[in-house]
Amino acid sequence: MNKINLVMFNMSSYSEWQRGIQNRNYHILKTLLKNENIEKIVAIDYMPYNFKRFVKNYKENYLNNKLKVIKNGLFTKVYEIDKRLIVYSSVLPFISKNRFYSNLNKYLKVIKFNNYHLWSAYPLSIDYFDKLKPDLKIFDAIDNWSEHPAYNKIKNKIIKNYELISKKADIIFTVSDEMQSLFLNHDKVYWIPNGVDIKHYQQKYAIVNRDIGSIKKPIIGYVGTVQDRFDIDLVEFIAKENNDKSIVIVGPVWNNEIVDKLSKYSNIYFLGRKSYTEVPMYIQQFDIGIIPHKLDKFIKFTNPMKMFEYLACGKPIISTSGSGIEMFKESIHITNDYRQFNHHIQKALKEDNNKLIKERLEVVKEHSWLKRVDRMLEIIKQ
């Protein structure tokens, strides 16, 4: 297989990944850079689609970024992370898409990026399919953005973009089995679930952070963004039924009503966002990992990374039903009934043992990001 150059349109800015935000896009980029078949990647930061994001990008990617700048402009900066990764950060798409793509094409020519594949995880604007001239066009469908509450105002545009992606992309990867239904030509659609960096989650920590180290065990834990899909009523029920146990929530809170409602319970602890480096240490302190999600239209198309992360730490999991959860139905307790959910918690705490821990660790071995990316590259090769 000849070495591949990639121009990758990302669902986040590189500066966000530096601050600890992690998502499928981040893991795939990081894993691609470890692969000997990849020559170089030009990573395009999340393109602002409204004024709010324009300001956010300009502040975080221009004013406060300490990376090595190799090209400096009024609306565009190019950073060299290392010899294999260039970050192209621009707010021009909000001002003029034509100028943005004209400048990008000129830059790719300067660095002799004559033969490259386009790889995108960004569905809000898909002009890159027409404005660039790659050898191959790849789209990674990470969740159904048309059902995400943050994009309600442009829902119809995103739906239309998915239809166009069906026609214009050569290869489409989807995060969940259900996502395949969004695309028309199934011959070029491949379901590649999320994965996990197993070595990262199984590292040992000499010191445990005080904020979780001082919390009374057993710990019923949740890692992830706390937003509308978080079933606040279920968590409240668990708190009431388990006065002698601690419920620890690790992650940023997007809906302050959740904190307002749950902070009255003395056994619920909100520890906030933690860096990717720290997250395994927090999960390792859990006695149980929970996924209390409402089964709405957005969840239907997801594949929670926390499921893989809990398993990689050997933890028992209690989850509501949702996309991808059935992948591990032999290893995860799944129910939407509150009392049954609590029953599984009690049972798992009582029955967990070294044999079950080893079984979970064995199950997750086949779901590493390395294996996921190898499969993606094999499809590209074919």
Protein backbone atom coordinates (compact mmCIF):
# COMPACT_ATOMS: atom_id res chain seq x y z
CA MET A 1 0.00 0.00 0.00
CA ASN A 2 1.45 3.37 -1.05
CA LYS A 3 1.75 5.94 1.71
CA ILE A 4 -1.26 8.24 2.02
CA ASN A 5 -1.47 12.00 2.49
CA LEU A 6 -4.69 13.20 4.11
CA VAL A 7 -6.57 16.48 4.27
CA MET A 8 -8.88 15.98 7.25
CA PHE A 9 -11.85 18.24 8.08
CA ASN A 10 -12.46 17.92 11.81
CA MET A 11 -15.48 18.15 14.11
CA SER A 12 -13.33 19.96 16.69
CA SER A 13 -10.45 22.40 16.82
CA TYR A 14 -7.01 21.08 17.70
CA SER A 15 -6.93 23.53 20.63
CA GLU A 16 -10.04 21.79 22.05
CA TRP A 17 -8.25 18.44 21.93
CA GLN A 18 -5.30 20.06 23.72
CA ARG A 19 -7.65 21.10 26.51
CA GLY A 20 -8.81 17.53 27.07
CA ILE A 21 -11.88 17.19 24.83
CA GLN A 22 -11.77 13.79 23.18
CA ASN A 23 -14.01 12.27 20.55
CA ARG A 24 -13.91 9.67 17.78
CA ASN A 25 -12.37 12.19 15.37
CA TYR A 26 -9.49 12.82 17.81
CA HIS A 27 -8.80 9.11 18.36
CA ILE A 28 -8.85 8.30 14.65
CA LEU A 29 -6.49 11.17 13.82
CA LYS A 30 -4.12 10.16 16.62
CA THR A 31 -4.19 6.50 15.56
CA LEU A 32 -3.71 7.30 11.87
CA LEU A 33 -0.52 9.16 12.79
CA LYS A 34 0.83 5.95 14.35
CA ASN A 35 0.21 3.99 11.14
CA GLU A 36 3.13 3.45 8.78
CA ASN A 37 0.83 3.81 5.76
CA ILE A 38 0.18 7.49 6.53
CA GLU A 39 2.68 10.01 5.18
CA LYS A 40 1.26 13.32 6.41
CA ILE A 41 -2.02 14.88 7.59
CA VAL A 42 -3.20 18.46 7.11
CA ALA A 43 -5.90 18.78 9.79
CA ILE A 44 -8.52 21.48 9.17
CA ASP A 45 -9.91 22.94 12.39
CA TYR A 46 -13.69 22.99 12.96
CA MET A 47 -15.02 25.58 10.52
CA PRO A 48 -17.23 28.27 12.15
CA TYR A 49 -20.79 28.29 10.80
CA ASN A 50 -22.12 31.16 12.94
CA PHE A 51 -20.78 34.33 14.58
CA LYS A 52 -20.58 32.77 18.04
CA ARG A 53 -18.29 30.02 16.79
CA PHE A 54 -16.34 32.57 14.71
CA VAL A 55 -15.48 34.49 17.89
CA LYS A 56 -14.71 31.31 19.84
CA ASN A 57 -12.34 30.01 17.14
CA TYR A 58 -10.57 33.34 16.76
CA LYS A 59 -10.00 33.63 20.49
CA GLU A 60 -8.92 30.04 21.13
CA ASN A 61 -7.10 29.18 17.89
CA TYR A 62 -5.40 32.54 17.24
CA LEU A 63 -4.96 34.63 20.36
CA ASN A 64 -4.22 31.95 22.93
CA ASN A 65 -2.60 29.19 20.92
CA LYS A 66 1.07 28.54 21.77
CA LEU A 67 1.80 26.11 18.93
CA LYS A 68 4.57 26.62 16.37
CA VAL A 69 3.19 28.95 13.67
CA ILE A 70 4.48 28.31 10.14
CA LYS A 71 2.01 30.55 8.29
CA ASN A 72 0.38 33.61 9.83
CA GLY A 73 -2.52 35.57 8.35
CA LEU A 74 -5.33 37.81 9.52
CA PHE A 75 -7.95 35.04 9.35
CA THR A 76 -5.81 31.91 8.96
CA LYS A 77 -2.95 30.38 10.92
CA VAL A 78 -1.08 27.20 10.11
CA TYR A 79 0.64 25.28 12.88
CA GLU A 80 3.26 22.53 12.65
CA ILE A 81 2.64 19.96 15.37
CA ASP A 82 5.37 17.69 14.04
CA LYS A 83 6.71 16.53 10.66
CA ARG A 84 3.59 14.45 10.01
CA LEU A 85 0.85 16.77 11.28
CA ILE A 86 -0.06 20.29 10.15
CA VAL A 87 -3.05 22.10 11.68
CA TYR A 88 -4.79 24.56 9.33
CA SER A 89 -6.94 26.87 11.43
CA SER A 90 -9.15 29.46 9.73
CA VAL A 91 -12.25 31.53 10.39
CA LEU A 92 -12.51 32.45 6.70
CA PRO A 93 -15.31 29.91 6.00
CA PHE A 94 -17.66 32.21 7.93
CA ILE A 95 -16.56 35.26 5.92
CA SER A 96 -15.97 33.80 2.45
CA LYS A 97 -15.90 30.11 1.60
CA ASN A 98 -14.45 30.85 -1.84
CA ARG A 99 -11.47 32.68 -0.30
CA PHE A 100 -11.01 29.91 2.24
CA TYR A 101 -10.82 27.15 -0.37
CA SER A 102 -8.73 29.26 -2.75
CA ASN A 103 -6.16 29.85 0.03
CA LEU A 104 -6.26 26.22 1.12
CA ASN A 105 -5.65 24.96 -2.42
CA LYS A 106 -2.71 27.38 -2.76
CA TYR A 107 -1.24 26.15 0.49
CA LEU A 108 -1.60 22.48 -0.50
CA LYS A 109 0.22 23.30 -3.73
CA VAL A 110 3.05 25.04 -1.85
CA ILE A 111 3.66 22.00 0.37
CA LYS A 112 3.40 19.72 -2.70
CA PHE A 113 0.24 17.95 -1.55
CA ASN A 114 -0.54 16.92 -5.12
CA ASN A 115 -1.94 13.49 -4.33
CA TYR A 116 -4.06 13.17 -1.22
CA HIS A 117 -7.27 11.71 0.18
CA LEU A 118 -9.98 13.89 1.66
CA TRP A 119 -11.28 12.65 5.04
CA SER A 120 -14.10 14.55 6.74
CA ALA A 121 -16.03 14.29 10.01
CA TYR A 122 -17.71 17.69 9.45
CA PRO A 123 -21.26 17.70 7.96
CA LEU A 124 -22.31 21.34 8.49
CA SER A 125 -20.82 22.50 5.19
CA ILE A 126 -19.59 20.05 2.57
CA ASP A 127 -18.20 22.38 -0.12
CA TYR A 128 -14.86 20.57 0.24
CA PHE A 129 -16.21 17.83 -2.04
CA ASP A 130 -16.39 20.31 -4.94
CA LYS A 131 -13.67 22.83 -4.03
CA LEU A 132 -10.82 20.35 -3.55
CA LYS A 133 -9.39 17.73 -5.90
CA PRO A 134 -8.50 14.66 -3.83
CA ASP A 135 -7.85 11.16 -5.15
CA LEU A 136 -10.49 9.74 -2.81
CA LYS A 137 -13.34 11.28 -0.78
CA ILE A 138 -14.02 9.75 2.64
CA PHE A 139 -16.69 10.78 5.13
CA ASP A 140 -16.89 9.53 8.72
CA ALA A 141 -20.46 9.94 10.01
CA ILE A 142 -20.02 10.55 13.73
CA ASP A 143 -23.55 10.64 15.22
CA ASN A 144 -26.57 12.16 13.47
CA TRP A 145 -25.96 15.90 13.73
CA SER A 146 -29.42 16.66 12.33
CA GLU A 147 -30.88 15.31 15.60
CA HIS A 148 -28.44 17.10 17.90
CA PRO A 149 -30.23 19.85 19.90
CA ALA A 150 -27.35 22.28 19.30
CA TYR A 151 -28.08 22.31 15.56
CA ASN A 152 -31.89 22.54 15.53
CA LYS A 153 -31.83 25.80 13.57
CA ILE A 154 -29.95 24.22 10.67
CA LYS A 155 -31.46 20.72 10.87
CA ASN A 156 -32.87 20.76 7.32
CA LYS A 157 -29.52 21.88 5.92
CA ILE A 158 -27.72 18.99 7.64
CA ILE A 159 -30.28 16.48 6.33
CA LYS A 160 -29.69 17.83 2.81
CA ASN A 161 -25.93 17.58 3.35
CA TYR A 162 -26.23 13.90 4.30
CA GLU A 163 -28.09 13.32 1.02
CA LEU A 164 -25.29 15.03 -0.91
CA ILE A 165 -22.63 13.10 1.00
CA SER A 166 -24.34 9.90 -0.21
CA LYS A 167 -23.68 11.02 -3.78
CA LYS A 168 -20.30 12.71 -3.50
CA ALA A 169 -18.30 10.55 -1.06
CA ASP A 170 -16.45 7.47 -2.31
CA ILE A 171 -16.39 5.83 1.12
CA ILE A 172 -18.68 6.48 4.10
CA PHE A 173 -17.89 5.16 7.57
CA THR A 174 -20.62 5.27 10.22
CA VAL A 175 -20.29 5.18 13.99
CA SER A 176 -23.42 3.05 14.42
CA ASP A 177 -25.36 0.47 12.47
CA GLU A 178 -28.41 2.77 12.47
CA MET A 179 -26.43 5.60 10.84
CA GLN A 180 -26.18 3.58 7.64
CA SER A 181 -29.86 4.32 6.97
CA LEU A 182 -29.01 8.01 6.39
CA PHE A 183 -27.12 7.19 3.22
CA LEU A 184 -28.54 5.97 -0.07
CA ASN A 185 -25.77 3.94 -1.68
CA HIS A 186 -25.13 1.15 0.83
CA ASP A 187 -22.37 -0.38 -1.31
CA LYS A 188 -19.98 2.32 -0.14
CA VAL A 189 -21.18 2.56 3.49
CA TYR A 190 -19.30 0.71 6.23
CA TRP A 191 -20.18 0.48 9.91
CA ILE A 192 -17.04 1.03 12.00
CA PRO A 193 -18.00 1.29 15.70
CA ASN A 194 -16.08 3.37 18.21
CA GLY A 195 -13.11 1.87 20.01
CA VAL A 196 -10.76 2.44 22.90
CA ASP A 197 -7.06 2.96 23.58
CA ILE A 198 -6.74 -0.08 25.82
CA LYS A 199 -3.20 0.66 27.00
CA HIS A 200 -4.24 4.18 28.03
CA TYR A 201 -7.17 2.98 30.16
CA GLN A 202 -5.20 0.21 31.81
CA GLN A 203 -2.24 2.34 32.91
CA LYS A 204 -1.44 2.40 36.62
CA TYR A 205 -1.54 5.55 38.74
CA ALA A 206 0.69 6.03 41.78
CA ILE A 207 -1.48 8.86 43.09
CA VAL A 208 -5.28 9.24 43.03
CA ASN A 209 -6.67 12.78 42.82
CA ARG A 210 -8.11 13.98 46.11
CA ASP A 211 -11.50 14.98 44.69
CA ILE A 212 -12.38 11.33 44.04
CA GLY A 213 -9.95 9.70 46.47
CA SER A 214 -11.80 11.22 49.41
CA ILE A 215 -15.26 10.03 48.29
CA LYS A 216 -16.81 7.14 50.20
CA LYS A 217 -17.09 3.81 48.41
CA PRO A 218 -18.78 2.07 46.73
CA ILE A 219 -18.84 4.51 43.81
CA ILE A 220 -21.45 4.41 41.04
CA GLY A 221 -19.74 6.44 38.31
CA TYR A 222 -20.55 8.22 35.07
CA VAL A 223 -18.06 9.74 32.62
CA GLY A 224 -19.22 12.03 29.83
CA THR A 225 -20.92 15.26 28.90
CA VAL A 226 -24.04 15.93 30.96
CA GLN A 227 -26.67 17.25 28.56
CA ASP A 228 -30.28 16.68 27.50
CA ARG A 229 -29.83 12.95 26.88
CA PHE A 230 -28.72 12.44 30.52
CA ASP A 231 -31.70 10.86 32.34
CA ILE A 232 -31.89 13.09 35.40
CA ASP A 233 -34.92 11.26 36.81
CA LEU A 234 -33.14 7.91 36.68
CA VAL A 235 -30.07 9.30 38.44
CA GLU A 236 -32.29 10.91 41.07
CA PHE A 237 -34.01 7.54 41.64
CA ILE A 238 -30.62 5.83 42.05
CA ALA A 239 -29.51 8.48 44.55
CA LYS A 240 -32.65 8.00 46.68
CA GLU A 241 -32.32 4.20 46.63
CA ASN A 242 -28.60 4.21 47.49
CA ASN A 243 -28.03 6.56 50.42
CA ASP A 244 -25.05 4.46 51.48
CA LYS A 245 -23.34 4.74 48.09
CA SER A 246 -21.71 7.61 46.19
CA ILE A 247 -22.75 8.70 42.70
CA VAL A 248 -19.85 10.42 40.93
CA ILE A 249 -20.34 12.34 37.68
CA VAL A 250 -17.16 13.18 35.76
CA GLY A 251 -17.59 15.55 32.84
CA PRO A 252 -18.78 19.00 31.75
CA VAL A 253 -22.40 19.99 32.44
CA TRP A 254 -24.26 21.64 29.55
CA ASN A 255 -27.60 21.79 31.34
CA ASN A 256 -27.39 23.62 34.67
CA GLU A 257 -30.90 22.48 35.62
CA ILE A 258 -29.43 19.02 36.12
CA VAL A 259 -26.96 20.30 38.72
CA ASP A 260 -29.67 22.38 40.40
CA LYS A 261 -31.94 19.35 40.75
CA LEU A 262 -29.34 16.78 41.79
CA SER A 263 -27.07 18.88 44.03
CA LYS A 264 -29.59 18.54 46.87
CA TYR A 265 -28.51 14.91 47.27
CA SER A 266 -25.49 14.61 49.54
CA ASN A 267 -24.34 11.40 47.85
CA ILE A 268 -24.06 12.93 44.33
CA TYR A 269 -20.73 14.50 43.37
CA PHE A 270 -20.11 16.60 40.22
CA LEU A 271 -16.35 16.59 39.58
CA GLY A 272 -16.39 18.50 36.27
CA ARG A 273 -14.37 17.98 33.09
CA LYS A 274 -11.17 15.98 33.40
CA SER A 275 -8.34 15.72 30.89
CA TYR A 276 -8.01 12.63 28.73
CA THR A 277 -4.85 11.80 30.68
CA GLU A 278 -6.79 11.72 33.97
CA VAL A 279 -10.02 9.98 32.92
CA PRO A 280 -8.75 6.37 33.33
CA MET A 281 -7.71 7.13 36.92
CA TYR A 282 -11.26 8.28 37.70
CA ILE A 283 -12.94 5.26 36.07
CA GLN A 284 -10.55 2.96 37.94
CA GLN A 285 -11.98 4.33 41.21
CA PHE A 286 -15.54 3.40 40.17
CA ASP A 287 -17.11 0.19 41.43
CA ILE A 288 -19.73 0.39 38.66
CA GLY A 289 -19.99 2.41 35.45
CA ILE A 290 -23.45 3.59 34.42
CA ILE A 291 -24.89 4.91 31.14
CA PRO A 292 -28.23 6.55 32.10
CA HIS A 293 -29.27 7.91 28.70
CA LYS A 294 -32.74 8.66 27.39
CA LEU A 295 -33.47 6.82 24.16
CA ASP A 296 -34.23 9.84 21.94
CA LYS A 297 -33.65 10.38 18.22
CA PHE A 298 -30.05 11.49 18.77
CA ILE A 299 -29.05 8.58 21.04
CA LYS A 300 -30.50 6.17 18.47
CA PHE A 301 -27.57 6.97 16.16
CA THR A 302 -24.72 7.01 18.70
CA ASN A 303 -22.18 4.48 19.94
CA PRO A 304 -21.00 5.59 23.42
CA MET A 305 -17.23 5.55 23.88
CA LYS A 306 -17.69 5.33 27.66
CA MET A 307 -18.99 1.78 27.15
CA PHE A 308 -15.60 0.72 25.74
CA GLU A 309 -13.73 2.74 28.37
CA TYR A 310 -15.59 1.16 31.31
CA LEU A 311 -14.90 -2.31 29.87
CA ALA A 312 -11.21 -1.48 29.32
CA CYS A 313 -11.02 -0.72 33.07
CA GLY A 314 -12.80 -4.01 33.84
CA LYS A 315 -15.85 -2.34 35.39
CA PRO A 316 -19.39 -3.78 35.47
CA ILE A 317 -21.79 -1.63 33.41
CA ILE A 318 -25.47 -0.86 33.89
CA SER A 319 -27.02 0.92 30.92
CA THR A 320 -30.30 1.97 29.40
CA SER A 321 -30.86 0.64 25.89
CA GLY A 322 -29.30 2.53 22.99
CA SER A 323 -27.38 2.22 19.78
CA GLY A 324 -24.37 -0.08 20.02
CA ILE A 325 -25.09 -1.21 23.58
CA GLU A 326 -26.27 -4.57 22.24
CA MET A 327 -22.72 -5.18 20.96
CA PHE A 328 -21.86 -6.20 24.52
CA LYS A 329 -25.18 -7.58 25.72
CA GLU A 330 -23.39 -10.54 27.33
CA SER A 331 -21.21 -8.18 29.39
CA ILE A 332 -23.57 -5.26 30.12
CA HIS A 333 -26.78 -5.14 32.17
CA ILE A 334 -29.34 -3.37 29.96
CA THR A 335 -32.72 -2.05 31.09
CA ASN A 336 -34.94 1.05 30.82
CA ASP A 337 -36.86 0.21 33.99
CA TYR A 338 -35.68 2.27 36.97
CA ARG A 339 -36.20 -0.45 39.58
CA GLN A 340 -34.55 -3.05 37.39
CA PHE A 341 -31.64 -0.65 36.81
CA ASN A 342 -31.16 -0.33 40.56
CA HIS A 343 -31.52 -4.10 41.01
CA HIS A 344 -28.65 -4.62 38.53
CA ILE A 345 -26.52 -2.16 40.52
CA GLN A 346 -27.02 -4.12 43.73
CA LYS A 347 -26.40 -7.43 42.00
CA ALA A 348 -23.24 -6.23 40.25
CA LEU A 349 -21.79 -4.81 43.47
CA LYS A 350 -22.46 -8.09 45.26
CA GLU A 351 -21.31 -10.51 42.57
CA ASP A 352 -18.39 -8.75 40.86
CA ASN A 353 -15.16 -10.76 41.01
CA ASN A 354 -11.79 -11.24 39.32
CA LYS A 355 -13.20 -13.76 36.83
CA LEU A 356 -15.83 -11.30 35.56
CA ILE A 357 -13.24 -8.51 35.41
CA LYS A 358 -10.95 -10.68 33.25
CA GLU A 359 -13.88 -11.56 30.97
CA ARG A 360 -14.64 -7.87 30.38
CA LEU A 361 -10.99 -7.12 29.64
CA GLU A 362 -10.90 -10.02 27.19
CA VAL A 363 -14.10 -8.91 25.42
CA VAL A 364 -12.86 -5.37 24.78
CA LYS A 365 -9.49 -6.47 23.32
CA GLU A 366 -10.93 -6.70 19.81
CA HIS A 367 -12.25 -3.14 19.96
CA SER A 368 -9.09 -1.04 20.03
CA TRP A 369 -8.71 2.11 17.92
CA LEU A 370 -5.73 0.42 16.27
CA LYS A 371 -7.98 -2.35 14.94
CA ARG A 372 -10.65 0.17 13.89
CA VAL A 373 -8.17 2.25 11.87
CA ASP A 374 -6.59 -0.86 10.35
CA ARG A 375 -10.05 -1.86 9.10
CA MET A 376 -10.68 1.63 7.68
CA LEU A 377 -7.35 1.61 5.83
CA GLU A 378 -8.05 -1.88 4.50
CA ILE A 379 -11.36 -0.62 3.04
CA ILE A 380 -9.54 2.36 1.49
CA LYS A 381 -6.94 0.01 0.00
CA GLN A 382 -9.65 -2.19 -1.53
